PDB file of N, CA and C in Angstrom:
ATOM      1  N   MET A   1      -0.174  -1.327 -28.240  1.00  0.00           N
ATOM      2  CA  MET A   1      -0.056  -0.099 -27.579  1.00  0.00           C
ATOM      3  C   MET A   1      -1.566  -0.004 -27.059  1.00  0.00           C
ATOM      4  N   PRO A   2      -2.848   0.157 -28.091  1.00  0.00           N
ATOM      5  CA  PRO A   2      -3.913   0.352 -27.846  1.00  0.00           C
ATOM      6  C   PRO A   2      -4.408  -0.935 -26.555  1.00  0.00           C
ATOM      7  N   HIS A   3      -3.911  -2.623 -26.802  1.00  0.00           N
ATOM      8  CA  HIS A   3      -4.873  -2.930 -25.412  1.00  0.00           C
ATOM      9  C   HIS A   3      -4.021  -2.213 -24.395  1.00  0.00           C
ATOM     10  N   ASN A   4      -2.860  -2.025 -23.834  1.00  0.00           N
ATOM     11  CA  ASN A   4      -2.388  -1.182 -22.656  1.00  0.00           C
ATOM     12  C   ASN A   4      -2.866  -0.112 -22.431  1.00  0.00           C
ATOM     13  N   ILE A   5      -3.523   0.582 -23.321  1.00  0.00           N
ATOM     14  CA  ILE A   5      -4.499   1.966 -22.896  1.00  0.00           C
ATOM     15  C   ILE A   5      -5.633   0.954 -22.673  1.00  0.00           C
ATOM     16  N   GLN A   6      -6.132   0.180 -23.258  1.00  0.00           N
ATOM     17  CA  GLN A   6      -7.194  -0.455 -22.585  1.00  0.00           C
ATOM     18  C   GLN A   6      -7.551  -0.960 -21.165  1.00  0.00           C
ATOM     19  N   ALA A   7      -6.173  -1.570 -20.948  1.00  0.00           N
ATOM     20  CA  ALA A   7      -5.926  -2.203 -19.823  1.00  0.00           C
ATOM     21  C   ALA A   7      -5.615  -1.152 -18.645  1.00  0.00           C
ATOM     22  N   ALA A   8      -5.038   0.020 -19.188  1.00  0.00           N
ATOM     23  CA  ALA A   8      -4.677   0.959 -17.888  1.00  0.00           C
ATOM     24  C   ALA A   8      -6.383   1.474 -17.625  1.00  0.00           C
ATOM     25  N   SER A   9      -7.120   1.629 -18.784  1.00  0.00           N
ATOM     26  CA  SER A   9      -8.361   3.162 -18.485  1.00  0.00           C
ATOM     27  C   SER A   9      -9.281   1.841 -17.683  1.00  0.00           C
ATOM     28  N   GLU A  10      -9.345   0.269 -17.700  1.00  0.00           N
ATOM     29  CA  GLU A  10     -10.217   0.007 -17.197  1.00  0.00           C
ATOM     30  C   GLU A  10      -9.663  -0.062 -15.566  1.00  0.00           C
ATOM     31  N   LYS A  11      -8.617  -0.087 -15.831  1.00  0.00           N
ATOM     32  CA  LYS A  11      -7.759  -0.462 -13.952  1.00  0.00           C
ATOM     33  C   LYS A  11      -8.344   1.305 -13.522  1.00  0.00           C
ATOM     34  N   TYR A  12      -7.945   2.017 -14.205  1.00  0.00           N
ATOM     35  CA  TYR A  12      -8.130   3.417 -13.407  1.00  0.00           C
ATOM     36  C   TYR A  12      -8.979   4.358 -13.537  1.00  0.00           C
ATOM     37  N   GLN A  13     -10.416   3.717 -14.048  1.00  0.00           N
ATOM     38  CA  GLN A  13     -11.785   4.305 -14.579  1.00  0.00           C
ATOM     39  C   GLN A  13     -11.263   5.426 -15.627  1.00  0.00           C
ATOM     40  N   LYS A  14     -10.035   5.536 -16.406  1.00  0.00           N
ATOM     41  CA  LYS A  14      -9.950   6.892 -16.538  1.00  0.00           C
ATOM     42  C   LYS A  14      -9.728   6.778 -18.386  1.00  0.00           C
ATOM     43  N   TYR A  15     -10.599   7.096 -19.497  1.00  0.00           N
ATOM     44  CA  TYR A  15     -10.598   6.950 -20.938  1.00  0.00           C
ATOM     45  C   TYR A  15      -9.904   8.096 -21.686  1.00  0.00           C
ATOM     46  N   LEU A  16      -9.613   7.273 -22.415  1.00  0.00           N
ATOM     47  CA  LEU A  16      -8.595   8.119 -23.585  1.00  0.00           C
ATOM     48  C   LEU A  16      -9.747   8.904 -24.248  1.00  0.00           C
ATOM     49  N   LEU A  17     -10.084  10.324 -24.806  1.00  0.00           N
ATOM     50  CA  LEU A  17     -11.159  10.668 -26.334  1.00  0.00           C
ATOM     51  C   LEU A  17     -10.192  10.775 -26.864  1.00  0.00           C
ATOM     52  N   GLN A  18     -10.753  10.831 -28.189  1.00  0.00           N
ATOM     53  CA  GLN A  18     -10.581  11.531 -29.811  1.00  0.00           C
ATOM     54  C   GLN A  18     -11.221  12.242 -30.074  1.00  0.00           C
ATOM     55  N   ILE A  19     -11.206  13.087 -29.771  1.00  0.00           N
ATOM     56  CA  ILE A  19     -12.281  14.897 -31.103  1.00  0.00           C
ATOM     57  C   ILE A  19     -11.445  15.299 -31.658  1.00  0.00           C
ATOM     58  N   ILE A  20     -12.369  15.300 -33.138  1.00  0.00           N
ATOM     59  CA  ILE A  20     -11.730  15.878 -34.116  1.00  0.00           C
ATOM     60  C   ILE A  20     -13.124  17.611 -34.260  1.00  0.00           C
ATOM     61  N   LEU A  21     -12.168  18.259 -34.086  1.00  0.00           N
ATOM     62  CA  LEU A  21     -12.861  19.843 -34.326  1.00  0.00           C
ATOM     63  C   LEU A  21     -12.089  20.210 -35.330  1.00  0.00           C
ATOM     64  N   LYS A  22     -13.068  20.853 -36.533  1.00  0.00           N
ATOM     65  CA  LYS A  22     -12.700  21.320 -37.965  1.00  0.00           C
ATOM     66  C   LYS A  22     -11.429  20.424 -38.561  1.00  0.00           C
ATOM     67  N   GLY A  23     -11.817  19.078 -38.426  1.00  0.00           N
ATOM     68  CA  GLY A  23     -10.654  18.456 -39.061  1.00  0.00           C
ATOM     69  C   GLY A  23      -9.413  18.036 -38.586  1.00  0.00           C
ATOM     70  N   ARG A  24      -8.638  18.659 -37.064  1.00  0.00           N
ATOM     71  CA  ARG A  24      -8.164  18.099 -36.721  1.00  0.00           C
ATOM     72  C   ARG A  24      -8.250  17.384 -35.180  1.00  0.00           C
ATOM     73  N   ILE A  25      -7.350  16.839 -35.095  1.00  0.00           N
ATOM     74  CA  ILE A  25      -7.872  15.674 -34.054  1.00  0.00           C
ATOM     75  C   ILE A  25      -7.078  15.774 -32.853  1.00  0.00           C
ATOM     76  N   TYR A  26      -7.566  16.364 -31.585  1.00  0.00           N
ATOM     77  CA  TYR A  26      -7.345  16.233 -30.499  1.00  0.00           C
ATOM     78  C   TYR A  26      -7.608  15.455 -29.502  1.00  0.00           C
ATOM     79  N   TYR A  27      -7.128  15.496 -28.224  1.00  0.00           N
ATOM     80  CA  TYR A  27      -7.078  14.505 -27.402  1.00  0.00           C
ATOM     81  C   TYR A  27      -7.277  15.061 -25.708  1.00  0.00           C
ATOM     82  N   THR A  28      -8.364  13.959 -25.417  1.00  0.00           N
ATOM     83  CA  THR A  28      -8.704  14.550 -24.093  1.00  0.00           C
ATOM     84  C   THR A  28      -9.040  13.186 -23.431  1.00  0.00           C
ATOM     85  N   VAL A  29      -9.295  13.616 -21.455  1.00  0.00           N
ATOM     86  CA  VAL A  29      -9.788  12.447 -20.988  1.00  0.00           C
ATOM     87  C   VAL A  29     -11.000  12.393 -19.943  1.00  0.00           C
ATOM     88  N   SER A  30     -11.924  11.318 -20.077  1.00  0.00           N
ATOM     89  CA  SER A  30     -12.852  11.153 -19.137  1.00  0.00           C
ATOM     90  C   SER A  30     -12.971   9.981 -18.109  1.00  0.00           C
ATOM     91  N   GLY A  31     -13.420  10.142 -16.922  1.00  0.00           N
ATOM     92  CA  GLY A  31     -13.378   8.807 -16.146  1.00  0.00           C
ATOM     93  C   GLY A  31     -14.211   9.489 -14.940  1.00  0.00           C
ATOM     94  N   ALA A  32     -13.686   8.499 -13.852  1.00  0.00           N
ATOM     95  CA  ALA A  32     -14.872   8.321 -12.627  1.00  0.00           C
ATOM     96  C   ALA A  32     -13.860   9.261 -11.840  1.00  0.00           C
ATOM     97  N   ASP A  33     -14.569   9.917 -11.207  1.00  0.00           N
ATOM     98  CA  ASP A  33     -13.595  10.803  -9.709  1.00  0.00           C
ATOM     99  C   ASP A  33     -13.336   9.909  -8.862  1.00  0.00           C
ATOM    100  N   LEU A  34     -12.630   8.695  -8.440  1.00  0.00           N
ATOM    101  CA  LEU A  34     -13.045   8.079  -7.684  1.00  0.00           C
ATOM    102  C   LEU A  34     -13.061   8.672  -5.803  1.00  0.00           C
ATOM    103  N   THR A  35     -12.356  10.292  -5.780  1.00  0.00           N
ATOM    104  CA  THR A  35     -12.172  10.388  -4.746  1.00  0.00           C
ATOM    105  C   THR A  35     -13.667  11.508  -4.714  1.00  0.00           C
ATOM    106  N   ASP A  36     -14.508  11.404  -5.340  1.00  0.00           N
ATOM    107  CA  ASP A  36     -15.741  12.345  -5.645  1.00  0.00           C
ATOM    108  C   ASP A  36     -16.727  11.210  -6.031  1.00  0.00           C
ATOM    109  N   HIS A  37     -17.200  10.388  -4.890  1.00  0.00           N
ATOM    110  CA  HIS A  37     -18.384   9.577  -5.150  1.00  0.00           C
ATOM    111  C   HIS A  37     -18.499   9.132  -6.923  1.00  0.00           C
ATOM    112  N   ASP A  38     -17.469   8.755  -7.205  1.00  0.00           N
ATOM    113  CA  ASP A  38     -17.087   8.143  -8.374  1.00  0.00           C
ATOM    114  C   ASP A  38     -17.977   9.254  -9.290  1.00  0.00           C
ATOM    115  N   LYS A  39     -18.247  10.180  -9.251  1.00  0.00           N
ATOM    116  CA  LYS A  39     -18.634  10.921 -10.660  1.00  0.00           C
ATOM    117  C   LYS A  39     -17.735  11.238 -12.024  1.00  0.00           C
ATOM    118  N   ASP A  40     -18.700  11.087 -13.236  1.00  0.00           N
ATOM    119  CA  ASP A  40     -17.809  11.202 -14.489  1.00  0.00           C
ATOM    120  C   ASP A  40     -17.708  12.510 -14.445  1.00  0.00           C
ATOM    121  N   LYS A  41     -16.461  12.756 -15.479  1.00  0.00           N
ATOM    122  CA  LYS A  41     -15.712  13.575 -15.220  1.00  0.00           C
ATOM    123  C   LYS A  41     -15.078  13.917 -16.754  1.00  0.00           C
ATOM    124  N   LEU A  42     -15.236  15.281 -17.510  1.00  0.00           N
ATOM    125  CA  LEU A  42     -14.191  15.634 -18.151  1.00  0.00           C
ATOM    126  C   LEU A  42     -12.856  16.161 -17.550  1.00  0.00           C
ATOM    127  N   LEU A  43     -12.205  15.959 -18.571  1.00  0.00           N
ATOM    128  CA  LEU A  43     -11.125  17.097 -18.021  1.00  0.00           C
ATOM    129  C   LEU A  43     -10.870  18.218 -18.522  1.00  0.00           C
ATOM    130  N   VAL A  44     -10.997  19.133 -17.228  1.00  0.00           N
ATOM    131  CA  VAL A  44     -11.241  20.872 -17.422  1.00  0.00           C
ATOM    132  C   VAL A  44     -10.189  21.584 -16.736  1.00  0.00           C
ATOM    133  N   ASN A  45      -9.947  22.596 -16.942  1.00  0.00           N
ATOM    134  CA  ASN A  45      -8.941  23.455 -16.226  1.00  0.00           C
ATOM    135  C   ASN A  45      -9.492  24.085 -14.893  1.00  0.00           C
ATOM    136  N   ASN A  46      -8.719  25.226 -14.835  1.00  0.00           N
ATOM    137  CA  ASN A  46      -8.980  25.996 -13.377  1.00  0.00           C
ATOM    138  C   ASN A  46     -10.610  27.013 -13.994  1.00  0.00           C
ATOM    139  N   GLN A  47     -10.580  26.851 -15.098  1.00  0.00           N
ATOM    140  CA  GLN A  47     -11.595  27.885 -15.548  1.00  0.00           C
ATOM    141  C   GLN A  47     -13.253  27.177 -16.492  1.00  0.00           C
ATOM    142  N   ARG A  48     -12.972  26.109 -15.988  1.00  0.00           N
ATOM    143  CA  ARG A  48     -13.559  24.721 -16.478  1.00  0.00           C
ATOM    144  C   ARG A  48     -14.365  25.048 -17.953  1.00  0.00           C
ATOM    145  N   GLN A  49     -12.783  25.068 -18.809  1.00  0.00           N
ATOM    146  CA  GLN A  49     -12.695  24.937 -20.129  1.00  0.00           C
ATOM    147  C   GLN A  49     -11.838  23.732 -20.609  1.00  0.00           C
ATOM    148  N   LEU A  50     -12.530  22.777 -21.781  1.00  0.00           N
ATOM    149  CA  LEU A  50     -11.728  21.480 -21.977  1.00  0.00           C
ATOM    150  C   LEU A  50     -10.752  21.930 -22.265  1.00  0.00           C
ATOM    151  N   VAL A  51      -9.858  20.761 -21.759  1.00  0.00           N
ATOM    152  CA  VAL A  51      -8.601  21.063 -21.972  1.00  0.00           C
ATOM    153  C   VAL A  51      -8.087  19.869 -23.124  1.00  0.00           C
ATOM    154  N   LEU A  52      -7.754  20.037 -24.259  1.00  0.00           N
ATOM    155  CA  LEU A  52      -7.583  19.170 -25.116  1.00  0.00           C
ATOM    156  C   LEU A  52      -5.907  19.426 -25.374  1.00  0.00           C
ATOM    157  N   ALA A  53      -5.287  18.292 -26.518  1.00  0.00           N
ATOM    158  CA  ALA A  53      -3.852  18.137 -26.682  1.00  0.00           C
ATOM    159  C   ALA A  53      -4.087  17.730 -27.818  1.00  0.00           C
ATOM    160  N   LEU A  54      -2.671  18.363 -28.459  1.00  0.00           N
ATOM    161  CA  LEU A  54      -2.731  17.469 -30.176  1.00  0.00           C
ATOM    162  C   LEU A  54      -2.264  16.295 -30.248  1.00  0.00           C
ATOM    163  N   THR A  55      -1.752  15.927 -28.521  1.00  0.00           N
ATOM    164  CA  THR A  55      -0.780  14.699 -29.356  1.00  0.00           C
ATOM    165  C   THR A  55      -1.220  13.387 -27.454  1.00  0.00           C
ATOM    166  N   ILE A  56      -1.346  12.762 -27.670  1.00  0.00           N
ATOM    167  CA  ILE A  56      -1.281  11.828 -26.419  1.00  0.00           C
ATOM    168  C   ILE A  56       0.119  12.160 -25.504  1.00  0.00           C
ATOM    169  N   SER A  57       1.106  11.964 -26.263  1.00  0.00           N
ATOM    170  CA  SER A  57       2.395  12.517 -25.341  1.00  0.00           C
ATOM    171  C   SER A  57       2.113  14.198 -24.840  1.00  0.00           C
ATOM    172  N   ASP A  58       1.448  14.961 -25.398  1.00  0.00           N
ATOM    173  CA  ASP A  58       1.523  16.342 -24.678  1.00  0.00           C
ATOM    174  C   ASP A  58       0.327  15.948 -23.426  1.00  0.00           C
ATOM    175  N   LEU A  59      -0.830  15.529 -24.256  1.00  0.00           N
ATOM    176  CA  LEU A  59      -1.904  15.367 -23.169  1.00  0.00           C
ATOM    177  C   LEU A  59      -1.019  14.690 -21.730  1.00  0.00           C
ATOM    178  N   SER A  60      -0.453  13.932 -21.885  1.00  0.00           N
ATOM    179  CA  SER A  60       0.315  12.953 -20.704  1.00  0.00           C
ATOM    180  C   SER A  60       1.515  14.381 -20.040  1.00  0.00           C
ATOM    181  N   THR A  61       2.106  14.655 -20.532  1.00  0.00           N
ATOM    182  CA  THR A  61       2.828  15.738 -20.122  1.00  0.00           C
ATOM    183  C   THR A  61       2.149  16.993 -19.052  1.00  0.00           C
ATOM    184  N   THR A  62       0.814  16.765 -19.941  1.00  0.00           N
ATOM    185  CA  THR A  62      -0.466  18.131 -19.020  1.00  0.00           C
ATOM    186  C   THR A  62      -0.534  17.547 -17.904  1.00  0.00           C
ATOM    187  N   ILE A  63      -1.081  16.315 -18.278  1.00  0.00           N
ATOM    188  CA  ILE A  63      -1.618  15.574 -16.971  1.00  0.00           C
ATOM    189  C   ILE A  63      -0.679  15.033 -15.436  1.00  0.00           C
ATOM    190  N   GLU A  64       0.417  15.736 -16.002  1.00  0.00           N
ATOM    191  CA  GLU A  64       1.670  15.394 -15.136  1.00  0.00           C
ATOM    192  C   GLU A  64       2.249  16.717 -14.266  1.00  0.00           C
ATOM    193  N   TYR A  65       1.921  17.798 -14.854  1.00  0.00           N
ATOM    194  CA  TYR A  65       2.412  18.920 -14.339  1.00  0.00           C
ATOM    195  C   TYR A  65       0.847  20.151 -14.111  1.00  0.00           C
ATOM    196  N   GLU A  66      -0.278  19.259 -14.022  1.00  0.00           N
ATOM    197  CA  GLU A  66      -1.308  20.375 -14.045  1.00  0.00           C
ATOM    198  C   GLU A  66      -2.401  19.498 -12.296  1.00  0.00           C
ATOM    199  N   GLU A  67      -3.048  20.028 -11.951  1.00  0.00           N
ATOM    200  CA  GLU A  67      -3.730  19.369 -10.860  1.00  0.00           C
ATOM    201  C   GLU A  67      -5.137  19.454 -11.365  1.00  0.00           C
ATOM    202  N   TYR A  68      -5.130  17.956 -11.983  1.00  0.00           N
ATOM    203  CA  TYR A  68      -7.371  17.687 -12.429  1.00  0.00           C
ATOM    204  C   TYR A  68      -7.344  16.326 -11.300  1.00  0.00           C
ATOM    205  N   PHE A  69      -8.925  16.450 -11.593  1.00  0.00           N
ATOM    206  CA  PHE A  69      -9.690  15.349 -10.648  1.00  0.00           C
ATOM    207  C   PHE A  69      -8.915  14.088 -10.287  1.00  0.00           C
ATOM    208  N   ASP A  70      -9.431  13.686  -9.335  1.00  0.00           N
ATOM    209  CA  ASP A  70      -8.864  12.374  -8.890  1.00  0.00           C
ATOM    210  C   ASP A  70      -7.069  12.005  -9.149  1.00  0.00           C
ATOM    211  N   ARG A  71      -6.316  13.168  -8.601  1.00  0.00           N
ATOM    212  CA  ARG A  71      -4.991  13.437  -9.179  1.00  0.00           C
ATOM    213  C   ARG A  71      -4.066  11.744  -8.651  1.00  0.00           C
ATOM    214  N   LEU A  72      -4.397  11.332  -7.501  1.00  0.00           N
ATOM    215  CA  LEU A  72      -3.777  10.313  -7.170  1.00  0.00           C
ATOM    216  C   LEU A  72      -3.765   9.586  -7.761  1.00  0.00           C
ATOM    217  N   ARG A  73      -5.116   9.038  -8.700  1.00  0.00           N
ATOM    218  CA  ARG A  73      -5.209   7.518  -9.307  1.00  0.00           C
ATOM    219  C   ARG A  73      -5.140   7.845 -11.080  1.00  0.00           C
ATOM    220  N   PHE A  74      -5.149   9.728 -11.241  1.00  0.00           N
ATOM    221  CA  PHE A  74      -5.113  10.314 -12.745  1.00  0.00           C
ATOM    222  C   PHE A  74      -4.304   9.163 -13.659  1.00  0.00           C
ATOM    223  N   ALA A  75      -2.665   9.414 -13.177  1.00  0.00           N
ATOM    224  CA  ALA A  75      -1.959   9.040 -13.491  1.00  0.00           C
ATOM    225  C   ALA A  75      -0.972   7.951 -13.503  1.00  0.00           C
ATOM    226  N   GLY A  76      -1.539   6.794 -12.985  1.00  0.00           N
ATOM    227  CA  GLY A  76      -1.461   5.524 -12.578  1.00  0.00           C
ATOM    228  C   GLY A  76      -0.620   5.836 -11.295  1.00  0.00           C
ATOM    229  N   ARG A  77      -0.448   6.663 -10.618  1.00  0.00           N
ATOM    230  CA  ARG A  77       0.077   7.041  -9.834  1.00  0.00           C
ATOM    231  C   ARG A  77      -0.591   6.018  -8.301  1.00  0.00           C
TER     232      ARG A  77
END
């Protein structure tokens, strides 16, 4: 699985981040917005708050149902 994540990260220029806050692990994404001059961005919501998930699966579900930067390339579409 790590190899698949790495290959997808390189292909779509999006990277899975693991963040540890107060002893808990959270996941989010950073990457190039290929629709906005390749600017590097973090996954944030409409209120400009960092989007964090407890599992990679939860993060994947969030990405599928919400609008984020570079929507067409974000989830491998």
